[in-house]
Amino acid sequence: MTEKPRLFGADYSVYVRIVRLVLVEKGIDYELVPVDIFRGDGPPADYLERQPFGRIPAFEHEGFSLYETGAITRYVDDVFEGRKLQPSDPRERARCNQLLSIADNYAYPAMVWGIYVERVSKPARGDVADEAAISAALLKARICMGAISGIMGTAPWLAGEAMSLADLYLTPIFDYVLKAPEGQEMLRQHENLEAWWARMSVRPSVKETQPS
């Protein structure tokens, strides 16, 4: 695996950052190719050849093109050397995959779009937060926090005894929601997640991949 992989997307994206975290944790040098899907005229036409749905990220390595973050991160973990990020124990791997699904389907929409975007991002650009949207998102976000805390239990990492894709998947989501006071209040209700975040947030990979 000598060719430097290329990752297409924007550094503010949760899902681009997930792949970047995986690459950094595995010690892989890569190229981030900027793609802004929110520009006025939409995703560039040549990018749609890589990702027909117009989402980010997309990935390329030695002529092999791939999109969807779950597929990219599992490929990177399987193909490249470095720390293994998918548990070998079947139950821990199942928990890891369960957490990835929770992140995709529940945590990301509620915590990032429902809370961070409404409470932090929109006011920062001069727009008014939708309080009804925040209230609805909080109901779902609290369920997410409780479920993630329950799955983690007393383990040091979200899916068990070693850091896994689950930790890297949820880190960018937590990093955004914790910029809102509602996110900080939710975290304080779960001591195990507080301790996890204290360890996770200071990792070099997390600092290196901070959005610009």
C-alpha atoms as a PDB file:
ATOM      1  CA  MET A   1       0.000   0.000   0.000  1.00  0.00           C
ATOM      2  CA  THR A   2       2.490   2.606  -1.217  1.00  0.00           C
ATOM      3  CA  GLU A   3       0.232   5.134  -2.947  1.00  0.00           C
ATOM      4  CA  LYS A   4      -1.017   7.953  -0.752  1.00  0.00           C
ATOM      5  CA  PRO A   5      -4.824   7.705  -0.461  1.00  0.00           C
ATOM      6  CA  ARG A   6      -6.932  10.717  -1.408  1.00  0.00           C
ATOM      7  CA  LEU A   7      -9.909  11.856   0.637  1.00  0.00           C
ATOM      8  CA  PHE A   8     -12.390  14.212  -1.014  1.00  0.00           C
ATOM      9  CA  GLY A   9     -14.427  16.587   1.122  1.00  0.00           C
ATOM     10  CA  ALA A  10     -14.366  19.531   3.527  1.00  0.00           C
ATOM     11  CA  ASP A  11     -12.713  19.559   6.921  1.00  0.00           C
ATOM     12  CA  TYR A  12     -15.853  20.886   8.646  1.00  0.00           C
ATOM     13  CA  SER A  13     -17.760  17.713   7.742  1.00  0.00           C
ATOM     14  CA  VAL A  14     -18.388  15.204  10.524  1.00  0.00           C
ATOM     15  CA  TYR A  15     -18.006  12.321   8.104  1.00  0.00           C
ATOM     16  CA  VAL A  16     -14.848  13.607   6.457  1.00  0.00           C
ATOM     17  CA  ARG A  17     -13.377  14.053   9.907  1.00  0.00           C
ATOM     18  CA  ILE A  18     -14.266  10.488  10.879  1.00  0.00           C
ATOM     19  CA  VAL A  19     -12.185   9.159   7.994  1.00  0.00           C
ATOM     20  CA  ARG A  20      -9.369  11.574   8.816  1.00  0.00           C
ATOM     21  CA  LEU A  21      -9.349  10.373  12.426  1.00  0.00           C
ATOM     22  CA  VAL A  22      -9.072   6.773  11.258  1.00  0.00           C
ATOM     23  CA  LEU A  23      -6.227   7.606   8.874  1.00  0.00           C
ATOM     24  CA  VAL A  24      -4.320   9.531  11.545  1.00  0.00           C
ATOM     25  CA  GLU A  25      -4.832   6.875  14.230  1.00  0.00           C
ATOM     26  CA  LYS A  26      -3.463   4.260  11.833  1.00  0.00           C
ATOM     27  CA  GLY A  27      -0.517   6.457  10.910  1.00  0.00           C
ATOM     28  CA  ILE A  28      -1.457   6.819   7.233  1.00  0.00           C
ATOM     29  CA  ASP A  29      -0.332   9.800   5.187  1.00  0.00           C
ATOM     30  CA  TYR A  30      -3.140  11.057   2.959  1.00  0.00           C
ATOM     31  CA  GLU A  31      -4.215  13.946   0.766  1.00  0.00           C
ATOM     32  CA  LEU A  32      -7.361  15.915   1.576  1.00  0.00           C
ATOM     33  CA  VAL A  33      -8.859  17.201  -1.673  1.00  0.00           C
ATOM     34  CA  PRO A  34     -11.239  20.112  -0.936  1.00  0.00           C
ATOM     35  CA  VAL A  35     -14.835  19.656  -2.103  1.00  0.00           C
ATOM     36  CA  ASP A  36     -17.597  22.048  -1.023  1.00  0.00           C
ATOM     37  CA  ILE A  37     -21.014  20.512  -1.636  1.00  0.00           C
ATOM     38  CA  PHE A  38     -22.798  23.542  -0.181  1.00  0.00           C
ATOM     39  CA  ARG A  39     -21.552  26.074  -2.711  1.00  0.00           C
ATOM     40  CA  GLY A  40     -24.217  27.973  -4.621  1.00  0.00           C
ATOM     41  CA  ASP A  41     -24.347  25.740  -7.699  1.00  0.00           C
ATOM     42  CA  GLY A  42     -24.072  22.463  -5.795  1.00  0.00           C
ATOM     43  CA  PRO A  43     -21.404  19.754  -5.919  1.00  0.00           C
ATOM     44  CA  PRO A  44     -18.933  19.979  -8.824  1.00  0.00           C
ATOM     45  CA  ALA A  45     -19.883  17.827 -11.801  1.00  0.00           C
ATOM     46  CA  ASP A  46     -16.635  15.871 -11.688  1.00  0.00           C
ATOM     47  CA  TYR A  47     -17.247  15.081  -8.032  1.00  0.00           C
ATOM     48  CA  LEU A  48     -20.636  13.581  -8.847  1.00  0.00           C
ATOM     49  CA  GLU A  49     -18.770  11.032 -10.942  1.00  0.00           C
ATOM     50  CA  ARG A  50     -17.110   9.914  -7.707  1.00  0.00           C
ATOM     51  CA  GLN A  51     -20.167  10.222  -5.487  1.00  0.00           C
ATOM     52  CA  PRO A  52     -23.454  10.232  -7.430  1.00  0.00           C
ATOM     53  CA  PHE A  53     -25.450  11.289  -4.356  1.00  0.00           C
ATOM     54  CA  GLY A  54     -23.386  14.454  -3.914  1.00  0.00           C
ATOM     55  CA  ARG A  55     -22.372  13.749  -0.325  1.00  0.00           C
ATOM     56  CA  ILE A  56     -18.928  13.811   1.265  1.00  0.00           C
ATOM     57  CA  PRO A  57     -16.526  12.131   1.651  1.00  0.00           C
ATOM     58  CA  ALA A  58     -15.313  10.091  -1.281  1.00  0.00           C
ATOM     59  CA  PHE A  59     -12.077   8.126  -1.232  1.00  0.00           C
ATOM     60  CA  GLU A  60      -9.523   6.822  -3.710  1.00  0.00           C
ATOM     61  CA  HIS A  61      -6.592   4.512  -3.229  1.00  0.00           C
ATOM     62  CA  GLU A  62      -4.472   2.892  -5.948  1.00  0.00           C
ATOM     63  CA  GLY A  63      -7.247   3.201  -8.511  1.00  0.00           C
ATOM     64  CA  PHE A  64      -9.943   1.956  -6.135  1.00  0.00           C
ATOM     65  CA  SER A  65     -12.739   4.460  -5.565  1.00  0.00           C
ATOM     66  CA  LEU A  66     -15.134   4.263  -2.659  1.00  0.00           C
ATOM     67  CA  TYR A  67     -17.784   6.326  -0.902  1.00  0.00           C
ATOM     68  CA  GLU A  68     -19.865   5.995   2.288  1.00  0.00           C
ATOM     69  CA  THR A  69     -17.939   6.567   5.497  1.00  0.00           C
ATOM     70  CA  GLY A  70     -18.667   3.166   7.014  1.00  0.00           C
ATOM     71  CA  ALA A  71     -17.290   1.418   3.932  1.00  0.00           C
ATOM     72  CA  ILE A  72     -14.252   3.707   3.712  1.00  0.00           C
ATOM     73  CA  THR A  73     -13.259   3.329   7.360  1.00  0.00           C
ATOM     74  CA  ARG A  74     -13.630  -0.446   7.337  1.00  0.00           C
ATOM     75  CA  TYR A  75     -11.591  -0.658   4.131  1.00  0.00           C
ATOM     76  CA  VAL A  76      -8.838   1.499   5.612  1.00  0.00           C
ATOM     77  CA  ASP A  77      -8.771  -0.618   8.759  1.00  0.00           C
ATOM     78  CA  ASP A  78      -8.639  -3.869   6.781  1.00  0.00           C
ATOM     79  CA  VAL A  79      -6.092  -2.855   4.146  1.00  0.00           C
ATOM     80  CA  PHE A  80      -3.553  -0.695   5.947  1.00  0.00           C
ATOM     81  CA  GLU A  81      -1.167  -1.577   8.734  1.00  0.00           C
ATOM     82  CA  GLY A  82      -1.415   0.061  12.128  1.00  0.00           C
ATOM     83  CA  ARG A  83      -3.696  -0.360  15.120  1.00  0.00           C
ATOM     84  CA  LYS A  84      -6.783  -2.422  14.387  1.00  0.00           C
ATOM     85  CA  LEU A  85      -9.955  -0.433  14.913  1.00  0.00           C
ATOM     86  CA  GLN A  86     -12.499  -3.223  14.519  1.00  0.00           C
ATOM     87  CA  PRO A  87     -12.699  -5.540  17.535  1.00  0.00           C
ATOM     88  CA  SER A  88     -11.803  -9.174  16.940  1.00  0.00           C
ATOM     89  CA  ASP A  89     -14.257 -10.391  19.569  1.00  0.00           C
ATOM     90  CA  PRO A  90     -17.622 -10.980  17.835  1.00  0.00           C
ATOM     91  CA  ARG A  91     -19.660  -9.344  20.586  1.00  0.00           C
ATOM     92  CA  GLU A  92     -17.436  -6.279  20.815  1.00  0.00           C
ATOM     93  CA  ARG A  93     -17.467  -5.984  17.009  1.00  0.00           C
ATOM     94  CA  ALA A  94     -21.261  -6.199  17.066  1.00  0.00           C
ATOM     95  CA  ARG A  95     -21.355  -3.425  19.692  1.00  0.00           C
ATOM     96  CA  CYS A  96     -18.991  -1.340  17.581  1.00  0.00           C
ATOM     97  CA  ASN A  97     -21.235  -1.736  14.525  1.00  0.00           C
ATOM     98  CA  GLN A  98     -24.288  -1.006  16.663  1.00  0.00           C
ATOM     99  CA  LEU A  99     -22.733   2.284  17.776  1.00  0.00           C
ATOM    100  CA  LEU A 100     -21.887   3.219  14.186  1.00  0.00           C
ATOM    101  CA  SER A 101     -25.523   2.692  13.271  1.00  0.00           C
ATOM    102  CA  ILE A 102     -26.679   4.785  16.238  1.00  0.00           C
ATOM    103  CA  ALA A 103     -24.300   7.551  15.154  1.00  0.00           C
ATOM    104  CA  ASP A 104     -25.552   7.545  11.555  1.00  0.00           C
ATOM    105  CA  ASN A 105     -29.257   7.211  12.148  1.00  0.00           C
ATOM    106  CA  TYR A 106     -29.919   8.990  15.434  1.00  0.00           C
ATOM    107  CA  ALA A 107     -26.998  10.901  16.947  1.00  0.00           C
ATOM    108  CA  TYR A 108     -25.818  12.803  13.877  1.00  0.00           C
ATOM    109  CA  PRO A 109     -29.234  14.205  12.861  1.00  0.00           C
ATOM    110  CA  ALA A 110     -30.240  15.136  16.417  1.00  0.00           C
ATOM    111  CA  MET A 111     -26.954  16.311  17.901  1.00  0.00           C
ATOM    112  CA  VAL A 112     -25.360  18.017  14.910  1.00  0.00           C
ATOM    113  CA  TRP A 113     -28.253  19.316  12.803  1.00  0.00           C
ATOM    114  CA  GLY A 114     -30.852  19.583  15.537  1.00  0.00           C
ATOM    115  CA  ILE A 115     -28.730  21.092  18.305  1.00  0.00           C
ATOM    116  CA  TYR A 116     -25.334  22.358  17.072  1.00  0.00           C
ATOM    117  CA  VAL A 117     -26.542  23.891  13.811  1.00  0.00           C
ATOM    118  CA  GLU A 118     -29.588  25.498  15.421  1.00  0.00           C
ATOM    119  CA  ARG A 119     -27.999  26.651  18.688  1.00  0.00           C
ATOM    120  CA  VAL A 120     -24.471  27.517  17.540  1.00  0.00           C
ATOM    121  CA  SER A 121     -23.980  27.619  13.773  1.00  0.00           C
ATOM    122  CA  LYS A 122     -27.085  29.555  12.709  1.00  0.00           C
ATOM    123  CA  PRO A 123     -26.760  32.335  15.331  1.00  0.00           C
ATOM    124  CA  ALA A 124     -23.050  32.673  14.468  1.00  0.00           C
ATOM    125  CA  ARG A 125     -24.015  33.651  10.923  1.00  0.00           C
ATOM    126  CA  GLY A 126     -26.802  35.949  12.039  1.00  0.00           C
ATOM    127  CA  ASP A 127     -29.785  33.611  11.698  1.00  0.00           C
ATOM    128  CA  VAL A 128     -32.364  32.875  14.383  1.00  0.00           C
ATOM    129  CA  ALA A 129     -32.326  29.481  16.084  1.00  0.00           C
ATOM    130  CA  ASP A 130     -35.443  27.343  15.710  1.00  0.00           C
ATOM    131  CA  GLU A 131     -36.308  26.606  19.345  1.00  0.00           C
ATOM    132  CA  ALA A 132     -38.959  24.057  18.393  1.00  0.00           C
ATOM    133  CA  ALA A 133     -36.387  22.144  16.340  1.00  0.00           C
ATOM    134  CA  ILE A 134     -33.940  22.248  19.249  1.00  0.00           C
ATOM    135  CA  SER A 135     -36.568  20.928  21.681  1.00  0.00           C
ATOM    136  CA  ALA A 136     -37.441  18.065  19.346  1.00  0.00           C
ATOM    137  CA  ALA A 137     -33.780  17.226  18.796  1.00  0.00           C
ATOM    138  CA  LEU A 138     -33.066  17.261  22.529  1.00  0.00           C
ATOM    139  CA  LEU A 139     -35.584  14.490  23.113  1.00  0.00           C
ATOM    140  CA  LYS A 140     -33.746  12.283  20.614  1.00  0.00           C
ATOM    141  CA  ALA A 141     -30.280  13.388  21.696  1.00  0.00           C
ATOM    142  CA  ARG A 142     -30.944  12.456  25.319  1.00  0.00           C
ATOM    143  CA  ILE A 143     -31.998   8.987  24.187  1.00  0.00           C
ATOM    144  CA  CYS A 144     -28.777   8.756  22.154  1.00  0.00           C
ATOM    145  CA  MET A 145     -26.587   9.766  25.082  1.00  0.00           C
ATOM    146  CA  GLY A 146     -28.323   7.290  27.347  1.00  0.00           C
ATOM    147  CA  ALA A 147     -28.030   4.467  24.834  1.00  0.00           C
ATOM    148  CA  ILE A 148     -24.344   5.138  24.156  1.00  0.00           C
ATOM    149  CA  SER A 149     -23.633   5.366  27.888  1.00  0.00           C
ATOM    150  CA  GLY A 150     -25.478   2.120  28.507  1.00  0.00           C
ATOM    151  CA  ILE A 151     -23.587   0.268  25.783  1.00  0.00           C
ATOM    152  CA  MET A 152     -20.265   1.562  27.085  1.00  0.00           C
ATOM    153  CA  GLY A 153     -21.010   0.601  30.669  1.00  0.00           C
ATOM    154  CA  THR A 154     -17.828   0.381  32.718  1.00  0.00           C
ATOM    155  CA  ALA A 155     -15.532  -0.287  29.762  1.00  0.00           C
ATOM    156  CA  PRO A 156     -12.765   2.232  29.024  1.00  0.00           C
ATOM    157  CA  TRP A 157     -13.915   2.706  25.423  1.00  0.00           C
ATOM    158  CA  LEU A 158     -17.336   2.863  23.815  1.00  0.00           C
ATOM    159  CA  ALA A 159     -17.317  -0.666  22.393  1.00  0.00           C
ATOM    160  CA  GLY A 160     -15.107  -2.415  24.920  1.00  0.00           C
ATOM    161  CA  GLU A 161     -11.527  -2.702  26.070  1.00  0.00           C
ATOM    162  CA  ALA A 162      -9.832  -1.014  23.104  1.00  0.00           C
ATOM    163  CA  MET A 163     -10.469   2.113  21.084  1.00  0.00           C
ATOM    164  CA  SER A 164     -12.431   1.293  17.938  1.00  0.00           C
ATOM    165  CA  LEU A 165     -14.213   2.825  14.987  1.00  0.00           C
ATOM    166  CA  ALA A 166     -17.083   3.557  17.377  1.00  0.00           C
ATOM    167  CA  ASP A 167     -14.989   6.067  19.321  1.00  0.00           C
ATOM    168  CA  LEU A 168     -13.733   7.760  16.168  1.00  0.00           C
ATOM    169  CA  TYR A 169     -17.201   7.836  14.628  1.00  0.00           C
ATOM    170  CA  LEU A 170     -18.798   9.556  17.596  1.00  0.00           C
ATOM    171  CA  THR A 171     -15.974  11.983  18.382  1.00  0.00           C
ATOM    172  CA  PRO A 172     -16.824  14.608  15.711  1.00  0.00           C
ATOM    173  CA  ILE A 173     -20.502  14.411  16.678  1.00  0.00           C
ATOM    174  CA  PHE A 174     -19.710  14.977  20.352  1.00  0.00           C
ATOM    175  CA  ASP A 175     -17.248  17.735  19.496  1.00  0.00           C
ATOM    176  CA  TYR A 176     -20.011  19.696  17.757  1.00  0.00           C
ATOM    177  CA  VAL A 177     -22.867  19.086  20.177  1.00  0.00           C
ATOM    178  CA  LEU A 178     -20.687  19.993  23.164  1.00  0.00           C
ATOM    179  CA  LYS A 179     -20.308  23.495  21.753  1.00  0.00           C
ATOM    180  CA  ALA A 180     -23.940  23.997  22.743  1.00  0.00           C
ATOM    181  CA  PRO A 181     -24.890  24.382  26.431  1.00  0.00           C
ATOM    182  CA  GLU A 182     -27.563  21.708  25.986  1.00  0.00           C
ATOM    183  CA  GLY A 183     -24.898  19.230  24.874  1.00  0.00           C
ATOM    184  CA  GLN A 184     -22.692  20.005  27.862  1.00  0.00           C
ATOM    185  CA  GLU A 185     -25.639  19.532  30.200  1.00  0.00           C
ATOM    186  CA  MET A 186     -26.448  16.142  28.678  1.00  0.00           C
ATOM    187  CA  LEU A 187     -22.865  14.947  28.984  1.00  0.00           C
ATOM    188  CA  ARG A 188     -22.754  15.835  32.685  1.00  0.00           C
ATOM    189  CA  GLN A 189     -25.501  13.283  33.275  1.00  0.00           C
ATOM    190  CA  HIS A 190     -23.258  10.379  32.182  1.00  0.00           C
ATOM    191  CA  GLU A 191     -20.045   9.994  34.170  1.00  0.00           C
ATOM    192  CA  ASN A 192     -18.649   7.270  31.930  1.00  0.00           C
ATOM    193  CA  LEU A 193     -19.069   9.438  28.819  1.00  0.00           C
ATOM    194  CA  GLU A 194     -17.555  12.425  30.634  1.00  0.00           C
ATOM    195  CA  ALA A 195     -14.485  10.348  31.447  1.00  0.00           C
ATOM    196  CA  TRP A 196     -14.353   8.990  27.894  1.00  0.00           C
ATOM    197  CA  TRP A 197     -14.546  12.475  26.398  1.00  0.00           C
ATOM    198  CA  ALA A 198     -11.828  13.764  28.736  1.00  0.00           C
ATOM    199  CA  ARG A 199      -9.509  11.075  27.339  1.00  0.00           C
ATOM    200  CA  MET A 200     -10.680  11.244  23.745  1.00  0.00           C
ATOM    201  CA  SER A 201     -10.700  15.007  23.271  1.00  0.00           C
ATOM    202  CA  VAL A 202      -6.988  15.376  24.026  1.00  0.00           C
ATOM    203  CA  ARG A 203      -5.770  12.699  21.614  1.00  0.00           C
ATOM    204  CA  PRO A 204      -3.341  14.051  18.987  1.00  0.00           C
ATOM    205  CA  SER A 205      -5.614  12.785  16.199  1.00  0.00           C
ATOM    206  CA  VAL A 206      -8.517  14.843  17.530  1.00  0.00           C
ATOM    207  CA  LYS A 207      -6.415  17.985  17.743  1.00  0.00           C
ATOM    208  CA  GLU A 208      -4.891  17.417  14.304  1.00  0.00           C
ATOM    209  CA  THR A 209      -8.280  17.068  12.617  1.00  0.00           C
ATOM    210  CA  GLN A 210      -9.989  20.093  14.162  1.00  0.00           C
ATOM    211  CA  PRO A 211     -12.018  21.926  11.493  1.00  0.00           C
ATOM    212  CA  SER A 212     -10.397  25.120  10.289  1.00  0.00           C
END
